[in-house]
Amino acid sequence: MIVQHVMSRDVRTVTPEATIREAARIMADADVGALPVAAGDRLAGMVTDRDIAIRAVAVGKGPETTVGEVMTHDVLYCHEDEDVHHVSDNMGEMQVRRLPVVDVEKRLVGIVSLADIALAVNAEEAGEALEGIARPGGERSQSIDGRA
């Protein structure tokens, strides 16, 4: 099975110039914990509710702080035509719960999460990825100082 068959196509985005208050409102309205950050038609980063909590609120930054100040710049993504099993393995290794999905022109077309994989493929596959994600620390670990 390929990613385009399990991904969510209805993806809300935010710009780097948006405030974290705006990003949080979009997350609340869409009931999501992460938003791709788009600069024009290109993926510029990701911002999560955890980015806002750790990289903004925890260090005293206010709601007018821009998304660009707290987002993760090193964007991990997958392609819509990739095999779900391969993507799931990569998510475990990279310790991420969701990935933006791009087309051959690297334009955002969706997002895939462990939940999407668990529902479409099998829970065991998602569980193996989650086991890798749940390891403490790692390259993708978030911290106040880090911008991984």
N, C-alpha and C. Protein backbone atom coordinates (compact mmCIF):
# COMPACT_ATOMS: atom_id res chain seq x y z
N MET A 1 0.84 -1.17 0.00
CA MET A 1 0.00 0.00 0.00
C MET A 1 0.90 1.24 0.00
N ILE A 2 0.46 2.27 -0.72
CA ILE A 2 1.26 3.49 -0.78
C ILE A 2 0.64 4.60 0.07
N VAL A 3 1.46 5.57 0.43
CA VAL A 3 1.09 6.63 1.35
C VAL A 3 -0.16 7.39 0.90
N GLN A 4 -0.31 7.66 -0.39
CA GLN A 4 -1.46 8.47 -0.83
C GLN A 4 -2.79 7.81 -0.49
N HIS A 5 -2.80 6.51 -0.24
CA HIS A 5 -4.03 5.81 0.10
C HIS A 5 -4.38 5.89 1.58
N VAL A 6 -3.43 6.31 2.43
CA VAL A 6 -3.70 6.38 3.87
C VAL A 6 -3.58 7.78 4.45
N MET A 7 -3.00 8.70 3.72
CA MET A 7 -2.74 10.05 4.24
C MET A 7 -4.02 10.88 4.33
N SER A 8 -3.95 11.93 5.11
CA SER A 8 -5.02 12.92 5.18
C SER A 8 -4.70 14.01 4.17
N ARG A 9 -5.65 14.33 3.31
CA ARG A 9 -5.43 15.36 2.29
C ARG A 9 -5.84 16.75 2.77
N ASP A 10 -6.70 16.80 3.76
CA ASP A 10 -7.18 18.08 4.27
C ASP A 10 -6.18 18.61 5.29
N VAL A 11 -5.18 19.33 4.81
CA VAL A 11 -4.10 19.80 5.67
C VAL A 11 -4.17 21.31 5.81
N ARG A 12 -4.21 21.76 7.04
CA ARG A 12 -4.14 23.19 7.32
C ARG A 12 -2.67 23.56 7.44
N THR A 13 -2.32 24.75 6.98
CA THR A 13 -0.94 25.22 7.07
C THR A 13 -0.92 26.59 7.74
N VAL A 14 0.28 27.02 8.07
CA VAL A 14 0.50 28.32 8.66
C VAL A 14 1.79 28.88 8.04
N THR A 15 1.95 30.19 8.03
CA THR A 15 3.16 30.80 7.49
C THR A 15 4.16 31.07 8.61
N PRO A 16 5.42 31.24 8.29
CA PRO A 16 6.41 31.57 9.33
C PRO A 16 6.11 32.92 10.01
N GLU A 17 5.42 33.80 9.31
CA GLU A 17 5.12 35.13 9.85
C GLU A 17 3.90 35.14 10.77
N ALA A 18 3.12 34.08 10.76
CA ALA A 18 1.94 33.99 11.63
C ALA A 18 2.39 33.94 13.08
N THR A 19 1.52 34.36 13.99
CA THR A 19 1.85 34.29 15.41
C THR A 19 1.55 32.90 15.94
N ILE A 20 2.16 32.59 17.08
CA ILE A 20 1.88 31.28 17.68
C ILE A 20 0.44 31.23 18.18
N ARG A 21 -0.15 32.40 18.49
CA ARG A 21 -1.56 32.43 18.87
C ARG A 21 -2.42 31.98 17.68
N GLU A 22 -2.10 32.48 16.48
CA GLU A 22 -2.84 32.07 15.28
C GLU A 22 -2.65 30.58 15.02
N ALA A 23 -1.42 30.11 15.16
CA ALA A 23 -1.14 28.69 14.94
C ALA A 23 -1.92 27.83 15.93
N ALA A 24 -1.92 28.23 17.19
CA ALA A 24 -2.65 27.47 18.21
C ALA A 24 -4.15 27.47 17.92
N ARG A 25 -4.69 28.57 17.44
CA ARG A 25 -6.11 28.64 17.11
C ARG A 25 -6.43 27.68 15.96
N ILE A 26 -5.57 27.66 14.94
CA ILE A 26 -5.78 26.74 13.81
C ILE A 26 -5.72 25.30 14.30
N MET A 27 -4.74 24.99 15.17
CA MET A 27 -4.63 23.64 15.72
C MET A 27 -5.89 23.27 16.49
N ALA A 28 -6.38 24.20 17.30
CA ALA A 28 -7.59 23.93 18.10
C ALA A 28 -8.80 23.70 17.19
N ASP A 29 -8.96 24.56 16.18
CA ASP A 29 -10.10 24.43 15.27
C ASP A 29 -10.06 23.13 14.48
N ALA A 30 -8.85 22.71 14.08
CA ALA A 30 -8.70 21.51 13.27
C ALA A 30 -8.50 20.25 14.11
N ASP A 31 -8.35 20.42 15.43
CA ASP A 31 -8.10 19.32 16.35
C ASP A 31 -6.85 18.53 15.94
N VAL A 32 -5.75 19.27 15.73
CA VAL A 32 -4.47 18.67 15.38
C VAL A 32 -3.38 19.21 16.30
N GLY A 33 -2.28 18.52 16.37
CA GLY A 33 -1.18 18.94 17.22
C GLY A 33 0.02 19.45 16.45
N ALA A 34 -0.08 19.49 15.12
CA ALA A 34 1.04 19.95 14.30
C ALA A 34 0.52 20.57 13.02
N LEU A 35 1.26 21.56 12.54
CA LEU A 35 0.93 22.22 11.28
C LEU A 35 2.17 22.34 10.41
N PRO A 36 2.05 22.00 9.14
CA PRO A 36 3.14 22.31 8.23
C PRO A 36 3.24 23.84 8.10
N VAL A 37 4.45 24.32 7.99
CA VAL A 37 4.68 25.75 7.80
C VAL A 37 5.02 25.95 6.33
N ALA A 38 4.23 26.78 5.66
CA ALA A 38 4.40 26.97 4.22
C ALA A 38 4.90 28.37 3.92
N ALA A 39 5.91 28.45 3.09
CA ALA A 39 6.40 29.72 2.55
C ALA A 39 6.10 29.66 1.06
N GLY A 40 5.04 30.36 0.68
CA GLY A 40 4.57 30.22 -0.70
C GLY A 40 4.01 28.84 -0.87
N ASP A 41 4.43 28.15 -1.92
CA ASP A 41 3.93 26.78 -2.13
C ASP A 41 4.95 25.73 -1.67
N ARG A 42 5.91 26.15 -0.88
CA ARG A 42 6.95 25.24 -0.40
C ARG A 42 6.85 25.00 1.10
N LEU A 43 7.24 23.81 1.51
CA LEU A 43 7.26 23.43 2.90
C LEU A 43 8.50 24.03 3.55
N ALA A 44 8.30 24.89 4.56
CA ALA A 44 9.42 25.58 5.21
C ALA A 44 9.75 24.99 6.58
N GLY A 45 8.83 24.22 7.14
CA GLY A 45 9.05 23.66 8.47
C GLY A 45 7.78 23.05 9.01
N MET A 46 7.83 22.72 10.29
CA MET A 46 6.66 22.20 11.00
C MET A 46 6.62 22.90 12.34
N VAL A 47 5.40 23.15 12.83
CA VAL A 47 5.24 23.68 14.18
C VAL A 47 4.24 22.79 14.89
N THR A 48 4.59 22.42 16.12
CA THR A 48 3.72 21.55 16.91
C THR A 48 3.27 22.28 18.16
N ASP A 49 2.24 21.73 18.80
CA ASP A 49 1.81 22.30 20.07
C ASP A 49 2.96 22.23 21.08
N ARG A 50 3.78 21.20 20.97
CA ARG A 50 4.95 21.08 21.86
C ARG A 50 5.99 22.15 21.57
N ASP A 51 6.20 22.49 20.30
CA ASP A 51 7.11 23.60 19.96
C ASP A 51 6.66 24.88 20.66
N ILE A 52 5.36 25.13 20.60
CA ILE A 52 4.82 26.34 21.21
C ILE A 52 5.03 26.30 22.72
N ALA A 53 4.75 25.16 23.34
CA ALA A 53 4.90 25.05 24.80
C ALA A 53 6.36 25.15 25.24
N ILE A 54 7.25 24.44 24.57
CA ILE A 54 8.65 24.36 25.01
C ILE A 54 9.49 25.54 24.53
N ARG A 55 9.35 25.92 23.28
CA ARG A 55 10.23 26.95 22.70
C ARG A 55 9.68 28.36 22.83
N ALA A 56 8.44 28.49 23.29
CA ALA A 56 7.87 29.82 23.47
C ALA A 56 7.42 30.02 24.91
N VAL A 57 6.37 29.35 25.31
CA VAL A 57 5.79 29.57 26.64
C VAL A 57 6.79 29.30 27.75
N ALA A 58 7.54 28.21 27.67
CA ALA A 58 8.47 27.84 28.74
C ALA A 58 9.59 28.87 28.95
N VAL A 59 9.88 29.65 27.92
CA VAL A 59 10.96 30.65 28.06
C VAL A 59 10.41 32.07 28.11
N GLY A 60 9.10 32.18 28.30
CA GLY A 60 8.50 33.49 28.51
C GLY A 60 8.14 34.27 27.27
N LYS A 61 8.14 33.63 26.12
CA LYS A 61 7.73 34.34 24.89
C LYS A 61 6.21 34.45 24.87
N GLY A 62 5.72 35.54 24.33
CA GLY A 62 4.30 35.79 24.32
C GLY A 62 3.59 35.26 23.09
N PRO A 63 2.26 35.44 23.06
CA PRO A 63 1.44 34.91 21.97
C PRO A 63 1.69 35.58 20.62
N GLU A 64 2.36 36.70 20.62
CA GLU A 64 2.67 37.37 19.35
C GLU A 64 3.99 36.91 18.74
N THR A 65 4.65 35.97 19.39
CA THR A 65 5.87 35.37 18.84
C THR A 65 5.52 34.73 17.51
N THR A 66 6.41 34.85 16.53
CA THR A 66 6.10 34.27 15.23
C THR A 66 6.39 32.77 15.21
N VAL A 67 5.67 32.10 14.36
CA VAL A 67 5.87 30.67 14.15
C VAL A 67 7.31 30.41 13.73
N GLY A 68 7.87 31.28 12.90
CA GLY A 68 9.24 31.12 12.43
C GLY A 68 10.27 31.07 13.55
N GLU A 69 9.95 31.68 14.71
CA GLU A 69 10.87 31.67 15.85
C GLU A 69 10.89 30.34 16.60
N VAL A 70 9.82 29.56 16.50
CA VAL A 70 9.73 28.34 17.30
C VAL A 70 9.59 27.06 16.48
N MET A 71 9.38 27.18 15.19
CA MET A 71 9.13 26.00 14.36
C MET A 71 10.39 25.16 14.19
N THR A 72 10.19 23.93 13.78
CA THR A 72 11.28 23.04 13.42
C THR A 72 11.59 23.30 11.95
N HIS A 73 12.83 23.70 11.69
CA HIS A 73 13.22 24.06 10.33
C HIS A 73 13.62 22.86 9.48
N ASP A 74 14.19 21.86 10.14
CA ASP A 74 14.67 20.66 9.44
C ASP A 74 13.45 19.79 9.11
N VAL A 75 12.88 20.00 7.94
CA VAL A 75 11.63 19.34 7.59
C VAL A 75 11.86 17.92 7.11
N LEU A 76 11.22 17.00 7.80
CA LEU A 76 11.20 15.61 7.36
C LEU A 76 9.89 15.41 6.62
N TYR A 77 9.93 14.66 5.54
CA TYR A 77 8.71 14.44 4.76
C TYR A 77 8.82 13.12 4.04
N CYS A 78 7.73 12.72 3.43
CA CYS A 78 7.75 11.52 2.59
C CYS A 78 7.01 11.86 1.29
N HIS A 79 7.12 10.98 0.32
CA HIS A 79 6.45 11.18 -0.96
C HIS A 79 5.16 10.36 -1.01
N GLU A 80 4.19 10.86 -1.73
CA GLU A 80 2.88 10.21 -1.79
C GLU A 80 2.92 8.82 -2.41
N ASP A 81 3.96 8.53 -3.19
CA ASP A 81 4.04 7.22 -3.84
C ASP A 81 4.94 6.23 -3.09
N GLU A 82 5.36 6.57 -1.86
CA GLU A 82 6.20 5.67 -1.07
C GLU A 82 5.36 4.58 -0.42
N ASP A 83 6.00 3.47 -0.17
CA ASP A 83 5.37 2.34 0.50
C ASP A 83 5.12 2.68 1.98
N VAL A 84 3.94 2.40 2.47
CA VAL A 84 3.56 2.72 3.84
C VAL A 84 4.47 2.02 4.85
N HIS A 85 4.84 0.78 4.59
CA HIS A 85 5.71 0.04 5.51
C HIS A 85 7.07 0.73 5.63
N HIS A 86 7.61 1.16 4.51
CA HIS A 86 8.89 1.87 4.51
C HIS A 86 8.78 3.18 5.30
N VAL A 87 7.71 3.93 5.06
CA VAL A 87 7.50 5.20 5.75
C VAL A 87 7.34 4.97 7.25
N SER A 88 6.59 3.95 7.62
CA SER A 88 6.39 3.63 9.03
C SER A 88 7.72 3.30 9.71
N ASP A 89 8.54 2.51 9.05
CA ASP A 89 9.87 2.19 9.59
C ASP A 89 10.69 3.46 9.78
N ASN A 90 10.66 4.34 8.78
CA ASN A 90 11.41 5.60 8.86
C ASN A 90 10.91 6.48 9.99
N MET A 91 9.60 6.52 10.21
CA MET A 91 9.03 7.33 11.28
C MET A 91 9.57 6.85 12.63
N GLY A 92 9.66 5.54 12.80
CA GLY A 92 10.21 4.99 14.04
C GLY A 92 11.67 5.35 14.22
N GLU A 93 12.44 5.22 13.16
CA GLU A 93 13.87 5.55 13.23
C GLU A 93 14.10 7.04 13.48
N MET A 94 13.28 7.89 12.85
CA MET A 94 13.45 9.35 12.99
C MET A 94 12.73 9.91 14.21
N GLN A 95 11.97 9.07 14.89
CA GLN A 95 11.22 9.45 16.09
C GLN A 95 10.22 10.58 15.83
N VAL A 96 9.40 10.42 14.79
CA VAL A 96 8.34 11.38 14.50
C VAL A 96 7.01 10.65 14.38
N ARG A 97 5.94 11.30 14.78
CA ARG A 97 4.61 10.70 14.76
C ARG A 97 3.81 11.03 13.52
N ARG A 98 4.28 12.03 12.79
CA ARG A 98 3.56 12.43 11.56
C ARG A 98 4.55 13.03 10.59
N LEU A 99 4.23 12.90 9.31
CA LEU A 99 5.10 13.44 8.26
C LEU A 99 4.25 14.16 7.22
N PRO A 100 4.72 15.33 6.78
CA PRO A 100 4.08 15.94 5.62
C PRO A 100 4.32 15.05 4.41
N VAL A 101 3.39 15.05 3.48
CA VAL A 101 3.50 14.25 2.27
C VAL A 101 3.58 15.21 1.09
N VAL A 102 4.58 15.00 0.23
CA VAL A 102 4.77 15.86 -0.93
C VAL A 102 4.65 15.06 -2.22
N ASP A 103 4.37 15.79 -3.32
CA ASP A 103 4.30 15.13 -4.62
C ASP A 103 5.67 15.18 -5.28
N VAL A 104 5.76 14.79 -6.54
CA VAL A 104 7.05 14.75 -7.23
C VAL A 104 7.68 16.14 -7.38
N GLU A 105 6.86 17.18 -7.33
CA GLU A 105 7.37 18.55 -7.41
C GLU A 105 7.65 19.14 -6.03
N LYS A 106 7.58 18.29 -5.00
CA LYS A 106 7.80 18.66 -3.61
C LYS A 106 6.81 19.70 -3.11
N ARG A 107 5.59 19.61 -3.59
CA ARG A 107 4.50 20.45 -3.09
C ARG A 107 3.68 19.63 -2.10
N LEU A 108 3.28 20.27 -1.02
CA LEU A 108 2.52 19.60 0.03
C LEU A 108 1.18 19.11 -0.50
N VAL A 109 0.91 17.81 -0.32
CA VAL A 109 -0.36 17.23 -0.77
C VAL A 109 -1.12 16.54 0.37
N GLY A 110 -0.48 16.40 1.52
CA GLY A 110 -1.15 15.74 2.63
C GLY A 110 -0.25 15.58 3.83
N ILE A 111 -0.74 14.83 4.79
CA ILE A 111 0.05 14.51 5.98
C ILE A 111 -0.32 13.09 6.39
N VAL A 112 0.66 12.34 6.85
CA VAL A 112 0.41 10.97 7.29
C VAL A 112 0.86 10.83 8.73
N SER A 113 0.03 10.18 9.53
CA SER A 113 0.34 10.00 10.95
C SER A 113 0.37 8.50 11.27
N LEU A 114 0.89 8.19 12.44
CA LEU A 114 0.86 6.79 12.89
C LEU A 114 -0.57 6.30 12.99
N ALA A 115 -1.48 7.17 13.38
CA ALA A 115 -2.89 6.77 13.47
C ALA A 115 -3.43 6.38 12.10
N ASP A 116 -3.06 7.16 11.07
CA ASP A 116 -3.49 6.82 9.71
C ASP A 116 -3.00 5.43 9.32
N ILE A 117 -1.74 5.16 9.65
CA ILE A 117 -1.14 3.87 9.32
C ILE A 117 -1.80 2.75 10.10
N ALA A 118 -2.05 2.98 11.39
CA ALA A 118 -2.68 1.95 12.23
C ALA A 118 -4.08 1.61 11.72
N LEU A 119 -4.83 2.61 11.29
CA LEU A 119 -6.19 2.37 10.81
C LEU A 119 -6.21 1.69 9.44
N ALA A 120 -5.25 2.05 8.59
CA ALA A 120 -5.28 1.55 7.22
C ALA A 120 -4.53 0.24 7.03
N VAL A 121 -3.44 0.06 7.73
CA VAL A 121 -2.60 -1.11 7.50
C VAL A 121 -2.82 -2.11 8.63
N ASN A 122 -2.14 -1.87 9.75
CA ASN A 122 -2.38 -2.68 10.94
C ASN A 122 -1.75 -2.02 12.15
N ALA A 123 -2.30 -2.31 13.28
CA ALA A 123 -1.84 -1.71 14.53
C ALA A 123 -0.43 -2.17 14.89
N GLU A 124 -0.08 -3.40 14.52
CA GLU A 124 1.25 -3.91 14.84
C GLU A 124 2.33 -3.06 14.16
N GLU A 125 2.11 -2.72 12.90
CA GLU A 125 3.07 -1.88 12.16
C GLU A 125 3.24 -0.53 12.85
N ALA A 126 2.14 0.10 13.21
CA ALA A 126 2.19 1.39 13.89
C ALA A 126 2.85 1.24 15.25
N GLY A 127 2.58 0.12 15.93
CA GLY A 127 3.18 -0.13 17.24
C GLY A 127 4.69 -0.23 17.18
N GLU A 128 5.20 -0.85 16.13
CA GLU A 128 6.65 -0.95 15.96
C GLU A 128 7.26 0.43 15.74
N ALA A 129 6.59 1.26 14.95
CA ALA A 129 7.08 2.62 14.74
C ALA A 129 7.02 3.41 16.05
N LEU A 130 5.93 3.26 16.79
CA LEU A 130 5.79 3.97 18.06
C LEU A 130 6.86 3.56 19.06
N GLU A 131 7.24 2.30 19.03
CA GLU A 131 8.30 1.84 19.92
C GLU A 131 9.60 2.62 19.65
N GLY A 132 9.91 2.85 18.37
CA GLY A 132 11.09 3.63 18.04
C GLY A 132 10.94 5.09 18.42
N ILE A 133 9.75 5.63 18.23
CA ILE A 133 9.49 7.03 18.54
C ILE A 133 9.59 7.28 20.04
N ALA A 134 9.14 6.32 20.84
CA ALA A 134 9.08 6.50 22.29
C ALA A 134 10.43 6.42 22.98
N ARG A 135 11.49 6.04 22.25
CA ARG A 135 12.82 6.01 22.87
C ARG A 135 13.16 7.40 23.37
N PRO A 136 13.72 7.52 24.57
CA PRO A 136 14.10 8.84 25.09
C PRO A 136 15.22 9.46 24.27
N GLY A 137 15.20 10.80 24.20
CA GLY A 137 16.26 11.53 23.51
C GLY A 137 16.20 11.34 22.02
N GLY A 138 17.35 11.30 21.41
CA GLY A 138 17.41 11.10 19.97
C GLY A 138 17.58 12.40 19.22
N GLU A 139 17.84 12.26 17.96
CA GLU A 139 18.13 13.40 17.09
C GLU A 139 16.96 14.38 17.01
N ARG A 140 15.72 13.90 17.09
CA ARG A 140 14.54 14.74 16.94
C ARG A 140 14.02 15.27 18.28
N SER A 141 14.77 15.05 19.36
CA SER A 141 14.34 15.49 20.68
C SER A 141 14.14 17.00 20.70
N GLN A 142 13.09 17.44 21.34
CA GLN A 142 12.82 18.86 21.45
C GLN A 142 13.36 19.38 22.77
N SER A 143 13.89 20.58 22.72
CA SER A 143 14.34 21.23 23.93
C SER A 143 14.19 22.73 23.75
N ILE A 144 14.35 23.44 24.83
CA ILE A 144 14.24 24.90 24.75
C ILE A 144 15.30 25.47 23.82
N ASP A 145 16.52 24.97 23.94
CA ASP A 145 17.62 25.48 23.12
C ASP A 145 17.66 24.88 21.73
N GLY A 146 17.19 23.64 21.60
CA GLY A 146 17.28 22.92 20.33
C GLY A 146 16.22 23.37 19.35
N ARG A 147 16.51 23.20 18.08
CA ARG A 147 15.54 23.52 17.04
C ARG A 147 15.50 22.38 16.04
N ALA A 148 15.67 21.18 16.55
CA ALA A 148 15.69 20.00 15.68
C ALA A 148 14.44 19.91 14.87
